[in-house]
Each structure stands twice: as C-alpha cells, then as structure tokens.
Amino acid sequence: MRSNSRLFLLFALSNLMGSFAGSILLAQTPASDGTRSGSTEFTFFAGISAPVNNETKGFGLDVKTGTPIGGRVSYNFDRHNAVEFSIANPFSLSANYVYNFSAIRGKWVPYVTAGVGGTRHDIALSDNNQPAQLNSNLMEIGPDRSQTVFTGNFGGGLKYFFTERFALRFDVRDQVGHYKATFSNVAGVPGGIVTGSKTLNDFQVTGGIVFRFGKR
C-alpha cells in the first residue's frame, strides 16, 4: 500500500511540475496574436520577376526588369488596415494600402494590397525579339536608355509570425506600367525614326523577413 501511495504521489508531483514548466515556457514565448494595432513592421525582401510580354510584329520595346531586392515599412492603424511604403532595386518606389485578414491560429496573417508609385527600367528597341542596330538612340533621353514611368500594383501574400517581433513573409504582386519612347538612327527605316510602346505586367514573387516594433 505504501509503495502504491508513493507511486501515486510521485506521479501527481511530476504532472504538477510539468504543468508549471509548460506555463513558464508559454509565458516566455507568447503567441503573436496576428497584426497588432499601432505597430510598425520593417520587411527586407528579395525575389524573382516574371514579366508578361505581349509580342507584336515589327519594332517594339524591350523593358529589362531585373531581380527585385529591397525593403518595406508599414504602419498598422488597427488589426486590419495598414499603409506601406516600398523601395527596391531595380529602382522603384510605391505607396500601398494593405488589408490584413484575421490571424489564423494567432500566427498566419493573409493580406491583400494595392498601390501606386514609379519605376525606372532600362529599355531598348527590339525587332522580333532581337535587338535593333546598336546606333539607335533614345531621342528623349539620349544614350542613357532608361525611363521612369508611373506604375500601379496589386497583389497579396502571407505572413507567418514565429514570435511577437519576428515573421517570414511571402508576397505576389503585379506591377503595371506603360513605356513609350522614340528612337533615331534605326537602320532600314525611312528617316531612321521609330516610336515604340509597351504596357508591361511585371509579376513579382518575393520572400522576406519581418521585424515588428511598437505596441504589444
């Protein structure tokens, strides 16, 4: 009987200690509880660009998009509404509205976003996907061969919070801009002048890390 009583007592004590230790661990690493009102988030990201090129016959524009690398800073007015500013290379600036959905299990936060800004890309004259003669020049900008245009973007993504302050973020968005330029000294064209234009849909898929500051 005494042996059974001791075993029962040890079992009860071990359960009590396990519960106490678990409570301490949970207190040290609380759940993120999703988006927090009044907080600021800094995101550092990198990804890939997948532009959609609608090819046409004859001369057109070749817009070089590059690999998006940059940062974002967002301010959460409440658990759902936020404003975000982004800067990236190749050079682009944008201001976005972000709507954060309710957190899933306190850690997964899906969102949608839309905004406006400007981008600067290198451009060249192309003919059937082949570069035109090297002596062609942009009449508006000269040998610089780049252009800054107004752009709009929209998309969405998902954030996963490991802690209150740290998360991973995955983002997909379409950046839309219209490019138009006039080239001179184009071989094989009467007068040597060609005007090309293109509306570019630049689909960007990025991943990054998020650091959150501000209210708990």
C-alpha atoms as a PDB file:
ATOM      1  CA  MET A   1       0.000   0.000   0.000  1.00  0.00           C
ATOM      2  CA  ARG A   2       2.773   2.405   0.946  1.00  0.00           C
ATOM      3  CA  SER A   3       4.541   1.617  -2.346  1.00  0.00           C
ATOM      4  CA  ASN A   4       1.380   2.385  -4.320  1.00  0.00           C
ATOM      5  CA  SER A   5       0.854   5.608  -2.380  1.00  0.00           C
ATOM      6  CA  ARG A   6       4.395   6.733  -3.109  1.00  0.00           C
ATOM      7  CA  LEU A   7       3.989   5.978  -6.811  1.00  0.00           C
ATOM      8  CA  PHE A   8       0.743   7.936  -6.882  1.00  0.00           C
ATOM      9  CA  LEU A   9       2.377  10.883  -5.097  1.00  0.00           C
ATOM     10  CA  LEU A  10       5.366  10.897  -7.467  1.00  0.00           C
ATOM     11  CA  PHE A  11       3.010  10.755 -10.461  1.00  0.00           C
ATOM     12  CA  ALA A  12       0.968  13.704  -9.158  1.00  0.00           C
ATOM     13  CA  LEU A  13       4.104  15.747  -8.424  1.00  0.00           C
ATOM     14  CA  SER A  14       5.537  15.067 -11.880  1.00  0.00           C
ATOM     15  CA  ASN A  15       2.301  16.216 -13.542  1.00  0.00           C
ATOM     16  CA  LEU A  16       2.243  19.349 -11.411  1.00  0.00           C
ATOM     17  CA  MET A  17       5.861  20.193 -12.258  1.00  0.00           C
ATOM     18  CA  GLY A  18       5.239  19.515 -15.955  1.00  0.00           C
ATOM     19  CA  SER A  19       2.255  21.860 -15.986  1.00  0.00           C
ATOM     20  CA  PHE A  20       4.234  24.537 -14.132  1.00  0.00           C
ATOM     21  CA  ALA A  21       7.187  24.256 -16.554  1.00  0.00           C
ATOM     22  CA  GLY A  22       4.840  24.419 -19.534  1.00  0.00           C
ATOM     23  CA  SER A  23       3.220  27.569 -18.152  1.00  0.00           C
ATOM     24  CA  ILE A  24       6.645  29.215 -17.788  1.00  0.00           C
ATOM     25  CA  LEU A  25       7.637  28.333 -21.372  1.00  0.00           C
ATOM     26  CA  LEU A  26       4.372  29.686 -22.757  1.00  0.00           C
ATOM     27  CA  ALA A  27       4.839  32.902 -20.787  1.00  0.00           C
ATOM     28  CA  GLN A  28       8.354  33.318 -22.231  1.00  0.00           C
ATOM     29  CA  THR A  29       7.286  32.722 -25.852  1.00  0.00           C
ATOM     30  CA  PRO A  30       3.777  34.163 -26.272  1.00  0.00           C
ATOM     31  CA  ALA A  31       1.798  33.799 -29.489  1.00  0.00           C
ATOM     32  CA  SER A  32       1.963  36.707 -31.908  1.00  0.00           C
ATOM     33  CA  ASP A  33      -1.849  37.062 -31.968  1.00  0.00           C
ATOM     34  CA  GLY A  34      -1.668  38.370 -35.545  1.00  0.00           C
ATOM     35  CA  THR A  35      -1.466  42.019 -36.580  1.00  0.00           C
ATOM     36  CA  ARG A  36      -1.164  44.500 -33.695  1.00  0.00           C
ATOM     37  CA  SER A  37      -2.716  47.968 -33.678  1.00  0.00           C
ATOM     38  CA  GLY A  38      -0.204  50.817 -33.619  1.00  0.00           C
ATOM     39  CA  SER A  39       2.752  48.624 -34.575  1.00  0.00           C
ATOM     40  CA  THR A  40       5.364  49.225 -37.288  1.00  0.00           C
ATOM     41  CA  GLU A  41       6.785  46.448 -39.470  1.00  0.00           C
ATOM     42  CA  PHE A  42      10.068  46.503 -41.403  1.00  0.00           C
ATOM     43  CA  THR A  43      10.425  43.936 -44.205  1.00  0.00           C
ATOM     44  CA  PHE A  44      13.597  43.056 -46.134  1.00  0.00           C
ATOM     45  CA  PHE A  45      12.841  41.055 -49.278  1.00  0.00           C
ATOM     46  CA  ALA A  46      14.218  39.524 -52.464  1.00  0.00           C
ATOM     47  CA  GLY A  47      12.620  37.509 -55.226  1.00  0.00           C
ATOM     48  CA  ILE A  48      12.091  36.966 -58.920  1.00  0.00           C
ATOM     49  CA  SER A  49      10.489  38.961 -61.730  1.00  0.00           C
ATOM     50  CA  ALA A  50       8.298  37.258 -64.345  1.00  0.00           C
ATOM     51  CA  PRO A  51       7.187  39.921 -66.845  1.00  0.00           C
ATOM     52  CA  VAL A  52       4.398  39.180 -69.321  1.00  0.00           C
ATOM     53  CA  ASN A  53       5.485  40.249 -72.782  1.00  0.00           C
ATOM     54  CA  ASN A  54       2.770  40.668 -75.406  1.00  0.00           C
ATOM     55  CA  GLU A  55       4.843  40.391 -78.560  1.00  0.00           C
ATOM     56  CA  THR A  56       3.775  42.280 -81.679  1.00  0.00           C
ATOM     57  CA  LYS A  57       5.096  42.262 -85.229  1.00  0.00           C
ATOM     58  CA  GLY A  58       7.675  44.836 -86.197  1.00  0.00           C
ATOM     59  CA  PHE A  59       9.540  47.096 -83.797  1.00  0.00           C
ATOM     60  CA  GLY A  60       8.723  47.189 -80.097  1.00  0.00           C
ATOM     61  CA  LEU A  61      10.202  47.952 -76.711  1.00  0.00           C
ATOM     62  CA  ASP A  62      12.324  45.596 -74.644  1.00  0.00           C
ATOM     63  CA  VAL A  63      11.958  46.528 -70.935  1.00  0.00           C
ATOM     64  CA  LYS A  64      14.568  44.950 -68.655  1.00  0.00           C
ATOM     65  CA  THR A  65      13.029  44.259 -65.252  1.00  0.00           C
ATOM     66  CA  GLY A  66      15.826  42.621 -63.217  1.00  0.00           C
ATOM     67  CA  THR A  67      15.618  40.954 -59.792  1.00  0.00           C
ATOM     68  CA  PRO A  68      13.575  42.801 -57.115  1.00  0.00           C
ATOM     69  CA  ILE A  69      15.549  43.398 -53.898  1.00  0.00           C
ATOM     70  CA  GLY A  70      14.558  45.980 -51.309  1.00  0.00           C
ATOM     71  CA  GLY A  71      12.644  46.920 -48.191  1.00  0.00           C
ATOM     72  CA  ARG A  72       9.184  47.851 -46.969  1.00  0.00           C
ATOM     73  CA  VAL A  73       7.928  49.714 -43.927  1.00  0.00           C
ATOM     74  CA  SER A  74       4.280  49.513 -42.871  1.00  0.00           C
ATOM     75  CA  TYR A  75       2.220  51.058 -40.104  1.00  0.00           C
ATOM     76  CA  ASN A  76      -0.797  49.164 -38.749  1.00  0.00           C
ATOM     77  CA  PHE A  77      -3.625  51.538 -37.816  1.00  0.00           C
ATOM     78  CA  ASP A  78      -5.546  48.601 -36.382  1.00  0.00           C
ATOM     79  CA  ARG A  79      -5.654  44.820 -36.782  1.00  0.00           C
ATOM     80  CA  HIS A  80      -6.795  45.061 -40.409  1.00  0.00           C
ATOM     81  CA  ASN A  81      -5.819  48.375 -42.022  1.00  0.00           C
ATOM     82  CA  ALA A  82      -2.260  49.462 -42.787  1.00  0.00           C
ATOM     83  CA  VAL A  83      -0.264  51.747 -45.070  1.00  0.00           C
ATOM     84  CA  GLU A  84       3.030  50.584 -46.563  1.00  0.00           C
ATOM     85  CA  PHE A  85       5.947  52.220 -48.411  1.00  0.00           C
ATOM     86  CA  SER A  86       8.376  50.201 -50.532  1.00  0.00           C
ATOM     87  CA  ILE A  87      11.717  50.840 -52.228  1.00  0.00           C
ATOM     88  CA  ALA A  88      13.507  48.312 -54.409  1.00  0.00           C
ATOM     89  CA  ASN A  89      16.220  47.751 -56.985  1.00  0.00           C
ATOM     90  CA  PRO A  90      15.786  47.968 -59.988  1.00  0.00           C
ATOM     91  CA  PHE A  91      14.663  51.378 -58.801  1.00  0.00           C
ATOM     92  CA  SER A  92      11.026  51.562 -57.767  1.00  0.00           C
ATOM     93  CA  LEU A  93       9.027  53.448 -55.152  1.00  0.00           C
ATOM     94  CA  SER A  94       5.455  52.722 -54.131  1.00  0.00           C
ATOM     95  CA  ALA A  95       2.836  53.575 -51.521  1.00  0.00           C
ATOM     96  CA  ASN A  96       0.258  50.885 -50.771  1.00  0.00           C
ATOM     97  CA  TYR A  97      -2.863  50.209 -48.776  1.00  0.00           C
ATOM     98  CA  VAL A  98      -2.764  46.813 -47.033  1.00  0.00           C
ATOM     99  CA  TYR A  99      -5.734  44.911 -45.651  1.00  0.00           C
ATOM    100  CA  ASN A 100      -4.760  42.212 -43.148  1.00  0.00           C
ATOM    101  CA  PHE A 101      -7.264  39.413 -42.620  1.00  0.00           C
ATOM    102  CA  SER A 102      -7.859  37.925 -39.189  1.00  0.00           C
ATOM    103  CA  ALA A 103      -4.983  35.785 -37.972  1.00  0.00           C
ATOM    104  CA  ILE A 104      -5.175  32.015 -38.364  1.00  0.00           C
ATOM    105  CA  ARG A 105      -4.121  30.273 -35.126  1.00  0.00           C
ATOM    106  CA  GLY A 106      -2.573  33.542 -33.992  1.00  0.00           C
ATOM    107  CA  LYS A 107       0.378  33.226 -36.386  1.00  0.00           C
ATOM    108  CA  TRP A 108      -0.700  33.118 -40.050  1.00  0.00           C
ATOM    109  CA  VAL A 109      -1.806  36.513 -41.415  1.00  0.00           C
ATOM    110  CA  PRO A 110      -3.005  36.631 -45.062  1.00  0.00           C
ATOM    111  CA  TYR A 111      -3.356  40.046 -46.697  1.00  0.00           C
ATOM    112  CA  VAL A 112      -4.172  41.875 -49.930  1.00  0.00           C
ATOM    113  CA  THR A 113      -2.615  45.119 -51.140  1.00  0.00           C
ATOM    114  CA  ALA A 114      -2.824  47.758 -53.878  1.00  0.00           C
ATOM    115  CA  GLY A 115      -0.974  50.991 -54.537  1.00  0.00           C
ATOM    116  CA  VAL A 116       0.789  53.405 -56.884  1.00  0.00           C
ATOM    117  CA  GLY A 117       4.340  54.555 -57.470  1.00  0.00           C
ATOM    118  CA  GLY A 118       7.082  54.866 -60.048  1.00  0.00           C
ATOM    119  CA  THR A 119       9.739  52.611 -61.556  1.00  0.00           C
ATOM    120  CA  ARG A 120      12.859  53.141 -63.650  1.00  0.00           C
ATOM    121  CA  HIS A 121      13.992  50.430 -66.089  1.00  0.00           C
ATOM    122  CA  ASP A 122      16.479  50.124 -68.916  1.00  0.00           C
ATOM    123  CA  ILE A 123      14.731  49.939 -72.281  1.00  0.00           C
ATOM    124  CA  ALA A 124      15.840  49.130 -75.807  1.00  0.00           C
ATOM    125  CA  LEU A 125      14.323  48.950 -79.264  1.00  0.00           C
ATOM    126  CA  SER A 126      13.657  45.413 -80.440  1.00  0.00           C
ATOM    127  CA  ASP A 127      12.536  43.815 -83.688  1.00  0.00           C
ATOM    128  CA  ASN A 128      11.005  40.315 -83.456  1.00  0.00           C
ATOM    129  CA  ASN A 129      12.700  39.807 -80.096  1.00  0.00           C
ATOM    130  CA  GLN A 130      16.133  40.765 -81.466  1.00  0.00           C
ATOM    131  CA  PRO A 131      17.996  43.999 -80.540  1.00  0.00           C
ATOM    132  CA  ALA A 132      17.948  46.689 -83.213  1.00  0.00           C
ATOM    133  CA  GLN A 133      21.072  48.272 -84.644  1.00  0.00           C
ATOM    134  CA  LEU A 134      23.494  49.470 -81.970  1.00  0.00           C
ATOM    135  CA  ASN A 135      23.482  53.015 -83.358  1.00  0.00           C
ATOM    136  CA  SER A 136      19.828  53.543 -82.396  1.00  0.00           C
ATOM    137  CA  ASN A 137      19.350  56.151 -79.655  1.00  0.00           C
ATOM    138  CA  LEU A 138      16.531  57.364 -77.463  1.00  0.00           C
ATOM    139  CA  MET A 139      15.605  60.814 -78.712  1.00  0.00           C
ATOM    140  CA  GLU A 140      14.179  61.907 -75.346  1.00  0.00           C
ATOM    141  CA  ILE A 141      16.900  60.617 -73.043  1.00  0.00           C
ATOM    142  CA  GLY A 142      19.898  60.005 -75.260  1.00  0.00           C
ATOM    143  CA  PRO A 143      22.340  57.164 -74.665  1.00  0.00           C
ATOM    144  CA  ASP A 144      21.120  56.658 -71.088  1.00  0.00           C
ATOM    145  CA  ARG A 145      18.497  54.214 -72.436  1.00  0.00           C
ATOM    146  CA  SER A 146      16.313  54.143 -69.336  1.00  0.00           C
ATOM    147  CA  GLN A 147      12.897  55.511 -68.494  1.00  0.00           C
ATOM    148  CA  THR A 148      10.901  56.337 -65.361  1.00  0.00           C
ATOM    149  CA  VAL A 149       7.147  55.740 -65.536  1.00  0.00           C
ATOM    150  CA  PHE A 150       4.103  55.870 -63.280  1.00  0.00           C
ATOM    151  CA  THR A 151       3.039  52.393 -62.112  1.00  0.00           C
ATOM    152  CA  GLY A 152       0.223  50.716 -60.237  1.00  0.00           C
ATOM    153  CA  ASN A 153       0.471  47.445 -58.376  1.00  0.00           C
ATOM    154  CA  PHE A 154      -1.816  44.954 -56.696  1.00  0.00           C
ATOM    155  CA  GLY A 155      -1.459  41.550 -55.085  1.00  0.00           C
ATOM    156  CA  GLY A 156      -1.373  39.756 -51.777  1.00  0.00           C
ATOM    157  CA  GLY A 157       0.585  37.453 -49.556  1.00  0.00           C
ATOM    158  CA  LEU A 158       1.028  35.713 -46.250  1.00  0.00           C
ATOM    159  CA  LYS A 159       2.974  36.440 -43.058  1.00  0.00           C
ATOM    160  CA  TYR A 160       3.932  33.800 -40.511  1.00  0.00           C
ATOM    161  CA  PHE A 161       4.870  35.108 -37.051  1.00  0.00           C
ATOM    162  CA  PHE A 162       7.303  32.963 -35.080  1.00  0.00           C
ATOM    163  CA  THR A 163       7.193  35.433 -32.176  1.00  0.00           C
ATOM    164  CA  GLU A 164       5.630  38.818 -31.409  1.00  0.00           C
ATOM    165  CA  ARG A 165       8.528  40.561 -33.148  1.00  0.00           C
ATOM    166  CA  PHE A 166       9.691  38.279 -35.967  1.00  0.00           C
ATOM    167  CA  ALA A 167       7.971  36.789 -39.035  1.00  0.00           C
ATOM    168  CA  LEU A 168       8.506  35.399 -42.515  1.00  0.00           C
ATOM    169  CA  ARG A 169       6.604  36.975 -45.404  1.00  0.00           C
ATOM    170  CA  PHE A 170       5.704  35.758 -48.898  1.00  0.00           C
ATOM    171  CA  ASP A 171       4.318  38.239 -51.434  1.00  0.00           C
ATOM    172  CA  VAL A 172       2.966  38.088 -55.007  1.00  0.00           C
ATOM    173  CA  ARG A 173       2.021  41.238 -56.914  1.00  0.00           C
ATOM    174  CA  ASP A 174       1.624  42.596 -60.440  1.00  0.00           C
ATOM    175  CA  GLN A 175       3.350  45.899 -61.205  1.00  0.00           C
ATOM    176  CA  VAL A 176       1.832  47.590 -64.262  1.00  0.00           C
ATOM    177  CA  GLY A 177       3.450  50.444 -66.192  1.00  0.00           C
ATOM    178  CA  HIS A 178       3.265  51.909 -69.706  1.00  0.00           C
ATOM    179  CA  TYR A 179       6.519  52.656 -71.539  1.00  0.00           C
ATOM    180  CA  LYS A 180       6.848  54.732 -74.709  1.00  0.00           C
ATOM    181  CA  ALA A 181       9.971  56.018 -76.450  1.00  0.00           C
ATOM    182  CA  THR A 182      11.163  57.333 -79.814  1.00  0.00           C
ATOM    183  CA  PHE A 183      14.428  56.086 -81.327  1.00  0.00           C
ATOM    184  CA  SER A 184      16.576  57.660 -84.047  1.00  0.00           C
ATOM    185  CA  ASN A 185      19.257  56.298 -86.378  1.00  0.00           C
ATOM    186  CA  VAL A 186      17.437  52.974 -86.806  1.00  0.00           C
ATOM    187  CA  ALA A 187      18.874  51.135 -89.797  1.00  0.00           C
ATOM    188  CA  GLY A 188      16.454  50.035 -92.521  1.00  0.00           C
ATOM    189  CA  VAL A 189      13.712  52.531 -91.576  1.00  0.00           C
ATOM    190  CA  PRO A 190      12.926  55.600 -93.768  1.00  0.00           C
ATOM    191  CA  GLY A 191      14.120  58.619 -91.810  1.00  0.00           C
ATOM    192  CA  GLY A 192      15.615  56.307 -89.185  1.00  0.00           C
ATOM    193  CA  ILE A 193      12.969  57.175 -86.575  1.00  0.00           C
ATOM    194  CA  VAL A 194      10.819  54.572 -84.761  1.00  0.00           C
ATOM    195  CA  THR A 195       8.372  55.000 -81.859  1.00  0.00           C
ATOM    196  CA  GLY A 196       7.688  52.010 -79.661  1.00  0.00           C
ATOM    197  CA  SER A 197       5.379  51.465 -76.692  1.00  0.00           C
ATOM    198  CA  LYS A 198       4.521  48.672 -74.284  1.00  0.00           C
ATOM    199  CA  THR A 199       2.286  48.140 -71.255  1.00  0.00           C
ATOM    200  CA  LEU A 200       4.308  45.868 -69.001  1.00  0.00           C
ATOM    201  CA  ASN A 201       2.805  43.473 -66.451  1.00  0.00           C
ATOM    202  CA  ASP A 202       5.714  42.649 -64.178  1.00  0.00           C
ATOM    203  CA  PHE A 203       4.708  39.789 -61.866  1.00  0.00           C
ATOM    204  CA  GLN A 204       6.967  39.730 -58.795  1.00  0.00           C
ATOM    205  CA  VAL A 205       7.240  36.872 -56.320  1.00  0.00           C
ATOM    206  CA  THR A 206       9.234  37.754 -53.200  1.00  0.00           C
ATOM    207  CA  GLY A 207      10.059  36.374 -49.794  1.00  0.00           C
ATOM    208  CA  GLY A 208      11.474  38.206 -46.806  1.00  0.00           C
ATOM    209  CA  ILE A 209      11.863  38.642 -43.081  1.00  0.00           C
ATOM    210  CA  VAL A 210       9.727  40.966 -40.946  1.00  0.00           C
ATOM    211  CA  PHE A 211      10.720  42.823 -37.787  1.00  0.00           C
ATOM    212  CA  ARG A 212       7.850  44.338 -35.821  1.00  0.00           C
ATOM    213  CA  PHE A 213       8.110  47.188 -33.326  1.00  0.00           C
ATOM    214  CA  GLY A 214       5.638  49.153 -31.298  1.00  0.00           C
ATOM    215  CA  LYS A 215       2.615  48.220 -29.224  1.00  0.00           C
ATOM    216  CA  ARG A 216       2.231  44.707 -27.896  1.00  0.00           C
END
